[in-house]
Amino acid sequence: LRAENQNLVSALSNYQQILYQFFDFTQNLKQSHFDQVKLHRTEIYQYRKTDGKCIITFQTSLECFHYTTDENNQILEGDRQYKYQTKFNTDLIYVQDVDKMKNDYDDALAVTCPNCGAPIPMLGAKHCEYCGCAIIELNIHAWAFHHVEEITAKSNALK
């Protein structure tokens, strides 16, 4: 594989995992519940300025009751009586100079195809490499939320 295609393969793998989880939920009639969601705090965690882009990472802590049930409302995962606590990092990105981004393969500007959902890893790509659908170019003159990632997970008995 060429270097620029390795990110595509990695992103497709993540996309496939999400699809498999979705199909597992729909075929097995599973339902995921998030009750009493409470956001505790959101703070600026990190600011990074690299060639051609700026990234602000926000960190958010939250709690909720999270559990998964089957078609008979039987709990498969989690518990209705225990609060789930976790943190998320969310990246906000701003492209300052597209020319400096042309050879950047770190997946920081990946977008997804509006037709098939496959990742588009290269800035300026006009067509999806997977299905051939036309791609609308990223607006480089505005901040945009890009990446959300759960960083810690902890289940505590908070009755």
N, C-alpha and C. Protein backbone atom coordinates (compact mmCIF):
# COMPACT_ATOMS: atom_id res chain seq x y z
N LEU A 1 0.83 -1.20 0.00
CA LEU A 1 0.00 0.00 0.00
C LEU A 1 0.87 1.25 0.00
N ARG A 2 0.41 2.25 -0.72
CA ARG A 2 1.09 3.54 -0.67
C ARG A 2 0.76 4.20 0.65
N ALA A 3 1.63 5.12 1.09
CA ALA A 3 1.47 5.77 2.40
C ALA A 3 0.12 6.45 2.52
N GLU A 4 -0.34 7.13 1.46
CA GLU A 4 -1.61 7.85 1.56
C GLU A 4 -2.81 6.92 1.64
N ASN A 5 -2.66 5.67 1.22
CA ASN A 5 -3.77 4.72 1.28
C ASN A 5 -3.86 4.00 2.63
N GLN A 6 -2.79 4.04 3.42
CA GLN A 6 -2.81 3.36 4.72
C GLN A 6 -3.83 3.99 5.66
N ASN A 7 -3.93 5.32 5.64
CA ASN A 7 -4.95 5.99 6.46
C ASN A 7 -6.34 5.62 6.01
N LEU A 8 -6.54 5.47 4.70
CA LEU A 8 -7.83 5.09 4.16
C LEU A 8 -8.22 3.70 4.65
N VAL A 9 -7.28 2.77 4.64
CA VAL A 9 -7.55 1.41 5.10
C VAL A 9 -7.89 1.42 6.58
N SER A 10 -7.13 2.17 7.37
CA SER A 10 -7.38 2.26 8.81
C SER A 10 -8.76 2.87 9.08
N ALA A 11 -9.09 3.94 8.39
CA ALA A 11 -10.39 4.59 8.58
C ALA A 11 -11.53 3.69 8.12
N LEU A 12 -11.34 2.97 7.02
CA LEU A 12 -12.37 2.04 6.55
C LEU A 12 -12.61 0.94 7.58
N SER A 13 -11.53 0.49 8.21
CA SER A 13 -11.66 -0.54 9.24
C SER A 13 -12.51 -0.02 10.40
N ASN A 14 -12.26 1.22 10.85
CA ASN A 14 -13.06 1.81 11.92
C ASN A 14 -14.51 1.96 11.48
N TYR A 15 -14.72 2.37 10.25
CA TYR A 15 -16.07 2.53 9.70
C TYR A 15 -16.79 1.19 9.68
N GLN A 16 -16.08 0.13 9.28
CA GLN A 16 -16.69 -1.20 9.24
C GLN A 16 -17.06 -1.67 10.65
N GLN A 17 -16.23 -1.37 11.64
CA GLN A 17 -16.55 -1.76 13.01
C GLN A 17 -17.84 -1.10 13.48
N ILE A 18 -18.01 0.17 13.14
CA ILE A 18 -19.24 0.88 13.51
C ILE A 18 -20.44 0.27 12.80
N LEU A 19 -20.28 -0.05 11.52
CA LEU A 19 -21.37 -0.69 10.78
C LEU A 19 -21.74 -2.04 11.38
N TYR A 20 -20.74 -2.86 11.72
CA TYR A 20 -21.01 -4.17 12.33
C TYR A 20 -21.77 -4.01 13.64
N GLN A 21 -21.38 -3.02 14.46
CA GLN A 21 -22.08 -2.79 15.72
C GLN A 21 -23.52 -2.36 15.44
N PHE A 22 -23.73 -1.49 14.46
CA PHE A 22 -25.07 -1.04 14.10
C PHE A 22 -25.93 -2.22 13.65
N PHE A 23 -25.39 -3.06 12.76
CA PHE A 23 -26.14 -4.22 12.28
C PHE A 23 -26.41 -5.22 13.40
N ASP A 24 -25.47 -5.38 14.33
CA ASP A 24 -25.68 -6.26 15.47
C ASP A 24 -26.87 -5.76 16.30
N PHE A 25 -26.93 -4.44 16.53
CA PHE A 25 -28.03 -3.88 17.30
C PHE A 25 -29.36 -4.06 16.57
N THR A 26 -29.39 -3.80 15.25
CA THR A 26 -30.66 -3.88 14.53
C THR A 26 -31.12 -5.32 14.32
N GLN A 27 -30.19 -6.23 14.02
CA GLN A 27 -30.58 -7.62 13.78
C GLN A 27 -30.99 -8.32 15.07
N ASN A 28 -30.36 -7.99 16.17
CA ASN A 28 -30.67 -8.63 17.44
C ASN A 28 -31.65 -7.81 18.26
N LEU A 29 -32.22 -6.78 17.65
CA LEU A 29 -33.23 -5.92 18.29
C LEU A 29 -32.73 -5.35 19.62
N LYS A 30 -31.48 -4.94 19.65
CA LYS A 30 -30.91 -4.31 20.85
C LYS A 30 -31.22 -2.82 20.83
N GLN A 31 -31.34 -2.26 22.05
CA GLN A 31 -31.56 -0.82 22.17
C GLN A 31 -30.63 -0.29 23.25
N SER A 32 -29.91 0.76 22.91
CA SER A 32 -28.99 1.39 23.86
C SER A 32 -29.70 2.55 24.54
N HIS A 33 -29.63 2.62 25.87
CA HIS A 33 -30.31 3.65 26.65
C HIS A 33 -29.29 4.56 27.32
N PHE A 34 -29.53 5.88 27.25
CA PHE A 34 -28.74 6.88 27.95
C PHE A 34 -29.73 7.73 28.72
N ASP A 35 -29.82 7.52 30.03
CA ASP A 35 -30.77 8.24 30.86
C ASP A 35 -30.05 9.21 31.79
N GLN A 36 -30.70 10.32 32.10
CA GLN A 36 -30.21 11.33 33.03
C GLN A 36 -28.77 11.75 32.70
N VAL A 37 -28.54 12.10 31.45
CA VAL A 37 -27.21 12.55 31.02
C VAL A 37 -26.93 13.92 31.62
N LYS A 38 -25.77 14.06 32.25
CA LYS A 38 -25.39 15.33 32.86
C LYS A 38 -23.96 15.66 32.46
N LEU A 39 -23.78 16.81 31.79
CA LEU A 39 -22.45 17.30 31.46
C LEU A 39 -21.92 18.07 32.66
N HIS A 40 -20.76 17.67 33.16
CA HIS A 40 -20.20 18.34 34.33
C HIS A 40 -19.40 19.57 33.95
N ARG A 41 -18.49 19.40 33.00
CA ARG A 41 -17.59 20.50 32.69
C ARG A 41 -16.97 20.29 31.32
N THR A 42 -16.79 21.38 30.60
CA THR A 42 -16.05 21.36 29.34
C THR A 42 -14.98 22.43 29.42
N GLU A 43 -13.74 22.03 29.14
CA GLU A 43 -12.60 22.94 29.23
C GLU A 43 -11.72 22.81 28.00
N ILE A 44 -10.95 23.87 27.74
CA ILE A 44 -9.93 23.76 26.70
C ILE A 44 -8.80 22.92 27.27
N TYR A 45 -8.52 21.81 26.63
CA TYR A 45 -7.51 20.85 27.10
C TYR A 45 -6.16 21.08 26.42
N GLN A 46 -6.19 21.44 25.13
CA GLN A 46 -4.94 21.57 24.39
C GLN A 46 -5.15 22.47 23.18
N TYR A 47 -4.09 23.20 22.81
CA TYR A 47 -4.08 23.99 21.57
C TYR A 47 -2.84 23.61 20.80
N ARG A 48 -3.02 23.21 19.53
CA ARG A 48 -1.88 22.82 18.71
C ARG A 48 -1.92 23.61 17.41
N LYS A 49 -0.76 24.15 17.04
CA LYS A 49 -0.64 24.85 15.77
C LYS A 49 0.45 24.15 14.98
N THR A 50 0.08 23.57 13.84
CA THR A 50 1.04 22.87 12.99
C THR A 50 1.02 23.53 11.62
N ASP A 51 1.80 23.01 10.70
CA ASP A 51 1.84 23.57 9.36
C ASP A 51 0.46 23.61 8.74
N GLY A 52 -0.06 24.80 8.58
CA GLY A 52 -1.30 24.97 7.85
C GLY A 52 -2.58 24.80 8.63
N LYS A 53 -2.52 24.40 9.91
CA LYS A 53 -3.77 24.21 10.66
C LYS A 53 -3.59 24.49 12.15
N CYS A 54 -4.71 24.81 12.78
CA CYS A 54 -4.77 24.97 14.24
C CYS A 54 -5.82 24.00 14.76
N ILE A 55 -5.54 23.39 15.92
CA ILE A 55 -6.49 22.45 16.51
C ILE A 55 -6.65 22.79 17.99
N ILE A 56 -7.89 23.01 18.40
CA ILE A 56 -8.22 23.19 19.81
C ILE A 56 -8.92 21.91 20.27
N THR A 57 -8.43 21.32 21.35
CA THR A 57 -9.05 20.12 21.91
C THR A 57 -9.79 20.50 23.19
N PHE A 58 -11.08 20.21 23.22
CA PHE A 58 -11.90 20.42 24.40
C PHE A 58 -12.07 19.09 25.11
N GLN A 59 -12.10 19.12 26.45
CA GLN A 59 -12.34 17.91 27.22
C GLN A 59 -13.64 18.10 28.02
N THR A 60 -14.54 17.13 27.90
CA THR A 60 -15.84 17.19 28.54
C THR A 60 -16.02 15.97 29.44
N SER A 61 -16.44 16.20 30.68
CA SER A 61 -16.77 15.08 31.57
C SER A 61 -18.28 14.99 31.69
N LEU A 62 -18.78 13.75 31.77
CA LEU A 62 -20.22 13.56 31.86
C LEU A 62 -20.55 12.30 32.65
N GLU A 63 -21.81 12.22 33.05
CA GLU A 63 -22.33 11.02 33.72
C GLU A 63 -23.70 10.71 33.15
N CYS A 64 -24.06 9.44 33.22
CA CYS A 64 -25.39 9.01 32.78
C CYS A 64 -25.63 7.58 33.26
N PHE A 65 -26.86 7.16 33.15
CA PHE A 65 -27.20 5.75 33.33
C PHE A 65 -27.20 5.16 31.93
N HIS A 66 -26.32 4.21 31.68
CA HIS A 66 -26.19 3.63 30.34
C HIS A 66 -26.34 2.12 30.42
N TYR A 67 -27.25 1.60 29.60
CA TYR A 67 -27.45 0.15 29.54
C TYR A 67 -28.04 -0.22 28.19
N THR A 68 -27.91 -1.49 27.84
CA THR A 68 -28.42 -2.02 26.58
C THR A 68 -29.44 -3.10 26.88
N THR A 69 -30.59 -3.05 26.17
CA THR A 69 -31.65 -4.04 26.38
C THR A 69 -31.95 -4.77 25.08
N ASP A 70 -32.60 -5.94 25.23
CA ASP A 70 -33.05 -6.70 24.06
C ASP A 70 -34.52 -6.37 23.80
N GLU A 71 -35.14 -7.11 22.88
CA GLU A 71 -36.53 -6.84 22.50
C GLU A 71 -37.52 -7.07 23.64
N ASN A 72 -37.13 -7.84 24.67
CA ASN A 72 -37.99 -8.10 25.83
C ASN A 72 -37.68 -7.17 27.00
N ASN A 73 -36.88 -6.13 26.73
CA ASN A 73 -36.46 -5.16 27.74
C ASN A 73 -35.59 -5.77 28.83
N GLN A 74 -34.93 -6.88 28.52
CA GLN A 74 -33.97 -7.49 29.45
C GLN A 74 -32.61 -6.83 29.25
N ILE A 75 -31.93 -6.51 30.34
CA ILE A 75 -30.64 -5.83 30.26
C ILE A 75 -29.56 -6.80 29.80
N LEU A 76 -28.86 -6.41 28.73
CA LEU A 76 -27.75 -7.20 28.20
C LEU A 76 -26.40 -6.67 28.68
N GLU A 77 -26.28 -5.35 28.79
CA GLU A 77 -25.05 -4.70 29.24
C GLU A 77 -25.42 -3.52 30.12
N GLY A 78 -24.55 -3.19 31.07
CA GLY A 78 -24.78 -2.05 31.93
C GLY A 78 -25.78 -2.36 33.03
N ASP A 79 -26.26 -1.30 33.67
CA ASP A 79 -27.18 -1.46 34.80
C ASP A 79 -28.00 -0.18 34.94
N ARG A 80 -29.29 -0.32 35.24
CA ARG A 80 -30.16 0.84 35.40
C ARG A 80 -29.86 1.62 36.68
N GLN A 81 -29.13 1.03 37.62
CA GLN A 81 -28.92 1.65 38.92
C GLN A 81 -27.51 2.20 39.12
N TYR A 82 -26.63 2.05 38.17
CA TYR A 82 -25.26 2.53 38.31
C TYR A 82 -24.97 3.61 37.28
N LYS A 83 -24.40 4.71 37.77
CA LYS A 83 -24.04 5.79 36.87
C LYS A 83 -22.72 5.49 36.18
N TYR A 84 -22.71 5.79 34.91
CA TYR A 84 -21.53 5.62 34.07
C TYR A 84 -20.87 6.99 33.94
N GLN A 85 -19.58 7.09 34.26
CA GLN A 85 -18.86 8.36 34.17
C GLN A 85 -17.74 8.22 33.15
N THR A 86 -17.55 9.28 32.37
CA THR A 86 -16.53 9.22 31.32
C THR A 86 -16.10 10.62 30.93
N LYS A 87 -15.07 10.70 30.10
CA LYS A 87 -14.59 11.96 29.53
C LYS A 87 -14.44 11.80 28.03
N PHE A 88 -14.65 12.89 27.32
CA PHE A 88 -14.48 12.92 25.87
C PHE A 88 -13.57 14.07 25.47
N ASN A 89 -12.73 13.84 24.47
CA ASN A 89 -11.98 14.90 23.82
C ASN A 89 -12.65 15.20 22.49
N THR A 90 -12.82 16.48 22.20
CA THR A 90 -13.41 16.92 20.94
C THR A 90 -12.47 17.92 20.29
N ASP A 91 -12.09 17.67 19.03
CA ASP A 91 -11.18 18.56 18.31
C ASP A 91 -11.95 19.54 17.44
N LEU A 92 -11.56 20.80 17.53
CA LEU A 92 -12.06 21.87 16.69
C LEU A 92 -10.89 22.28 15.80
N ILE A 93 -11.06 22.27 14.48
CA ILE A 93 -9.93 22.47 13.57
C ILE A 93 -10.18 23.66 12.65
N TYR A 94 -9.09 24.37 12.35
CA TYR A 94 -9.13 25.51 11.44
C TYR A 94 -7.95 25.40 10.48
N VAL A 95 -8.23 25.39 9.19
CA VAL A 95 -7.16 25.32 8.18
C VAL A 95 -6.75 26.74 7.83
N GLN A 96 -5.46 27.04 8.02
CA GLN A 96 -4.94 28.36 7.70
C GLN A 96 -4.36 28.43 6.30
N ASP A 97 -3.70 27.37 5.89
CA ASP A 97 -3.01 27.37 4.59
C ASP A 97 -3.15 26.01 3.93
N VAL A 98 -3.99 25.93 2.89
CA VAL A 98 -4.24 24.66 2.21
C VAL A 98 -2.98 24.12 1.56
N ASP A 99 -2.14 24.99 1.02
CA ASP A 99 -0.93 24.54 0.33
C ASP A 99 -0.01 23.75 1.25
N LYS A 100 0.05 24.13 2.52
CA LYS A 100 0.88 23.39 3.47
C LYS A 100 0.25 22.05 3.86
N MET A 101 -1.05 21.91 3.59
CA MET A 101 -1.76 20.70 3.97
C MET A 101 -1.75 19.63 2.88
N LYS A 102 -1.32 19.94 1.68
CA LYS A 102 -1.42 19.01 0.55
C LYS A 102 -0.77 17.67 0.81
N ASN A 103 0.35 17.64 1.52
CA ASN A 103 1.06 16.38 1.77
C ASN A 103 0.89 15.88 3.20
N ASP A 104 -0.12 16.35 3.87
CA ASP A 104 -0.35 15.98 5.26
C ASP A 104 -1.28 14.77 5.31
N TYR A 105 -0.74 13.61 5.71
CA TYR A 105 -1.52 12.37 5.74
C TYR A 105 -1.84 11.93 7.16
N ASP A 106 -1.92 12.86 8.10
CA ASP A 106 -2.16 12.46 9.48
C ASP A 106 -3.63 12.28 9.80
N ASP A 107 -4.48 12.34 8.80
CA ASP A 107 -5.92 12.10 8.95
C ASP A 107 -6.63 13.21 9.73
N ALA A 108 -5.96 14.35 9.94
CA ALA A 108 -6.58 15.42 10.71
C ALA A 108 -7.70 16.10 9.95
N LEU A 109 -7.70 16.00 8.63
CA LEU A 109 -8.74 16.67 7.85
C LEU A 109 -9.63 15.70 7.12
N ALA A 110 -9.64 14.47 7.55
CA ALA A 110 -10.45 13.47 6.85
C ALA A 110 -11.92 13.84 6.96
N VAL A 111 -12.61 13.69 5.86
CA VAL A 111 -14.06 13.86 5.83
C VAL A 111 -14.63 12.55 5.34
N THR A 112 -15.93 12.43 5.39
CA THR A 112 -16.54 11.19 4.91
C THR A 112 -17.36 11.46 3.67
N CYS A 113 -17.48 10.46 2.86
CA CYS A 113 -18.26 10.53 1.62
C CYS A 113 -19.74 10.68 1.98
N PRO A 114 -20.44 11.64 1.37
CA PRO A 114 -21.86 11.80 1.67
C PRO A 114 -22.72 10.66 1.13
N ASN A 115 -22.17 9.87 0.20
CA ASN A 115 -22.92 8.78 -0.40
C ASN A 115 -22.76 7.47 0.37
N CYS A 116 -21.49 7.05 0.59
CA CYS A 116 -21.26 5.73 1.19
C CYS A 116 -20.68 5.80 2.60
N GLY A 117 -20.22 6.98 3.04
CA GLY A 117 -19.67 7.12 4.38
C GLY A 117 -18.20 6.77 4.49
N ALA A 118 -17.56 6.37 3.40
CA ALA A 118 -16.13 6.03 3.43
C ALA A 118 -15.32 7.29 3.71
N PRO A 119 -14.20 7.17 4.41
CA PRO A 119 -13.37 8.34 4.71
C PRO A 119 -12.68 8.87 3.46
N ILE A 120 -12.51 10.18 3.41
CA ILE A 120 -11.78 10.85 2.34
C ILE A 120 -10.54 11.46 2.99
N PRO A 121 -9.39 10.79 2.94
CA PRO A 121 -8.23 11.20 3.73
C PRO A 121 -7.43 12.36 3.16
N MET A 122 -7.60 12.71 1.89
CA MET A 122 -6.77 13.74 1.29
C MET A 122 -7.56 15.02 1.06
N LEU A 123 -7.00 16.13 1.55
CA LEU A 123 -7.61 17.44 1.33
C LEU A 123 -7.64 17.74 -0.16
N GLY A 124 -8.75 18.21 -0.65
CA GLY A 124 -8.86 18.57 -2.05
C GLY A 124 -9.34 17.44 -2.95
N ALA A 125 -9.59 16.26 -2.39
CA ALA A 125 -10.09 15.15 -3.21
C ALA A 125 -11.44 15.54 -3.80
N LYS A 126 -11.64 15.24 -5.07
CA LYS A 126 -12.88 15.61 -5.76
C LYS A 126 -13.86 14.46 -5.85
N HIS A 127 -13.37 13.22 -5.68
CA HIS A 127 -14.23 12.03 -5.77
C HIS A 127 -13.85 11.03 -4.69
N CYS A 128 -14.82 10.27 -4.23
CA CYS A 128 -14.60 9.19 -3.26
C CYS A 128 -13.84 8.06 -3.96
N GLU A 129 -12.76 7.57 -3.31
CA GLU A 129 -11.97 6.48 -3.88
C GLU A 129 -12.75 5.16 -3.85
N TYR A 130 -13.77 5.07 -2.99
CA TYR A 130 -14.51 3.83 -2.84
C TYR A 130 -15.68 3.73 -3.82
N CYS A 131 -16.54 4.77 -3.85
CA CYS A 131 -17.75 4.68 -4.69
C CYS A 131 -17.75 5.64 -5.87
N GLY A 132 -16.80 6.60 -5.91
CA GLY A 132 -16.71 7.52 -7.03
C GLY A 132 -17.60 8.75 -6.93
N CYS A 133 -18.34 8.90 -5.85
CA CYS A 133 -19.24 10.04 -5.65
C CYS A 133 -18.43 11.34 -5.58
N ALA A 134 -18.99 12.45 -6.08
CA ALA A 134 -18.33 13.76 -6.01
C ALA A 134 -18.28 14.23 -4.57
N ILE A 135 -17.18 14.87 -4.19
CA ILE A 135 -16.97 15.36 -2.83
C ILE A 135 -16.98 16.88 -2.83
N ILE A 136 -17.69 17.47 -1.89
CA ILE A 136 -17.70 18.92 -1.74
C ILE A 136 -16.48 19.30 -0.90
N GLU A 137 -15.73 20.31 -1.36
CA GLU A 137 -14.49 20.70 -0.71
C GLU A 137 -14.74 21.27 0.68
N LEU A 138 -13.82 20.99 1.59
CA LEU A 138 -13.88 21.45 2.97
C LEU A 138 -13.79 22.98 3.01
N ASN A 139 -14.63 23.62 3.81
CA ASN A 139 -14.55 25.07 3.99
C ASN A 139 -13.37 25.37 4.89
N ILE A 140 -12.33 25.97 4.31
CA ILE A 140 -11.10 26.18 5.07
C ILE A 140 -11.11 27.48 5.86
N HIS A 141 -12.13 28.31 5.73
CA HIS A 141 -12.14 29.59 6.40
C HIS A 141 -13.09 29.61 7.59
N ALA A 142 -13.32 28.47 8.20
CA ALA A 142 -14.20 28.38 9.36
C ALA A 142 -13.72 27.27 10.28
N TRP A 143 -13.92 27.45 11.56
CA TRP A 143 -13.63 26.40 12.53
C TRP A 143 -14.67 25.30 12.35
N ALA A 144 -14.25 24.05 12.48
CA ALA A 144 -15.18 22.92 12.33
C ALA A 144 -14.84 21.84 13.35
N PHE A 145 -15.87 21.26 13.98
CA PHE A 145 -15.64 20.12 14.86
C PHE A 145 -15.27 18.93 14.01
N HIS A 146 -14.22 18.23 14.43
CA HIS A 146 -13.70 17.16 13.58
C HIS A 146 -13.74 15.79 14.24
N HIS A 147 -13.24 15.66 15.44
CA HIS A 147 -12.98 14.35 16.02
C HIS A 147 -13.49 14.31 17.45
N VAL A 148 -14.22 13.27 17.81
CA VAL A 148 -14.68 13.06 19.18
C VAL A 148 -14.18 11.69 19.61
N GLU A 149 -13.57 11.64 20.80
CA GLU A 149 -12.99 10.39 21.27
C GLU A 149 -13.20 10.25 22.78
N GLU A 150 -13.68 9.09 23.20
CA GLU A 150 -13.81 8.81 24.63
C GLU A 150 -12.42 8.49 25.15
N ILE A 151 -12.00 9.17 26.23
CA ILE A 151 -10.63 8.96 26.71
C ILE A 151 -10.55 8.12 27.97
N THR A 152 -11.57 8.16 28.81
CA THR A 152 -11.60 7.30 29.99
C THR A 152 -13.02 6.82 30.20
N ALA A 153 -13.14 5.69 30.80
CA ALA A 153 -14.47 5.18 31.13
C ALA A 153 -14.41 4.56 32.51
N LYS A 154 -15.36 4.91 33.33
CA LYS A 154 -15.36 4.39 34.69
C LYS A 154 -16.80 4.24 35.16
N SER A 155 -17.16 3.06 35.60
CA SER A 155 -18.49 2.83 36.15
C SER A 155 -18.40 2.85 37.66
N ASN A 156 -19.19 3.70 38.27
CA ASN A 156 -19.21 3.80 39.73
C ASN A 156 -20.63 3.59 40.25
N ALA A 157 -20.72 3.08 41.45
CA ALA A 157 -22.02 2.92 42.10
C ALA A 157 -22.37 4.24 42.77
N LEU A 158 -23.14 5.07 42.10
CA LEU A 158 -23.57 6.36 42.64
C LEU A 158 -25.08 6.33 42.77
N LYS A 159 -25.55 5.80 43.85
CA LYS A 159 -26.99 5.64 44.04
C LYS A 159 -27.58 6.86 44.70
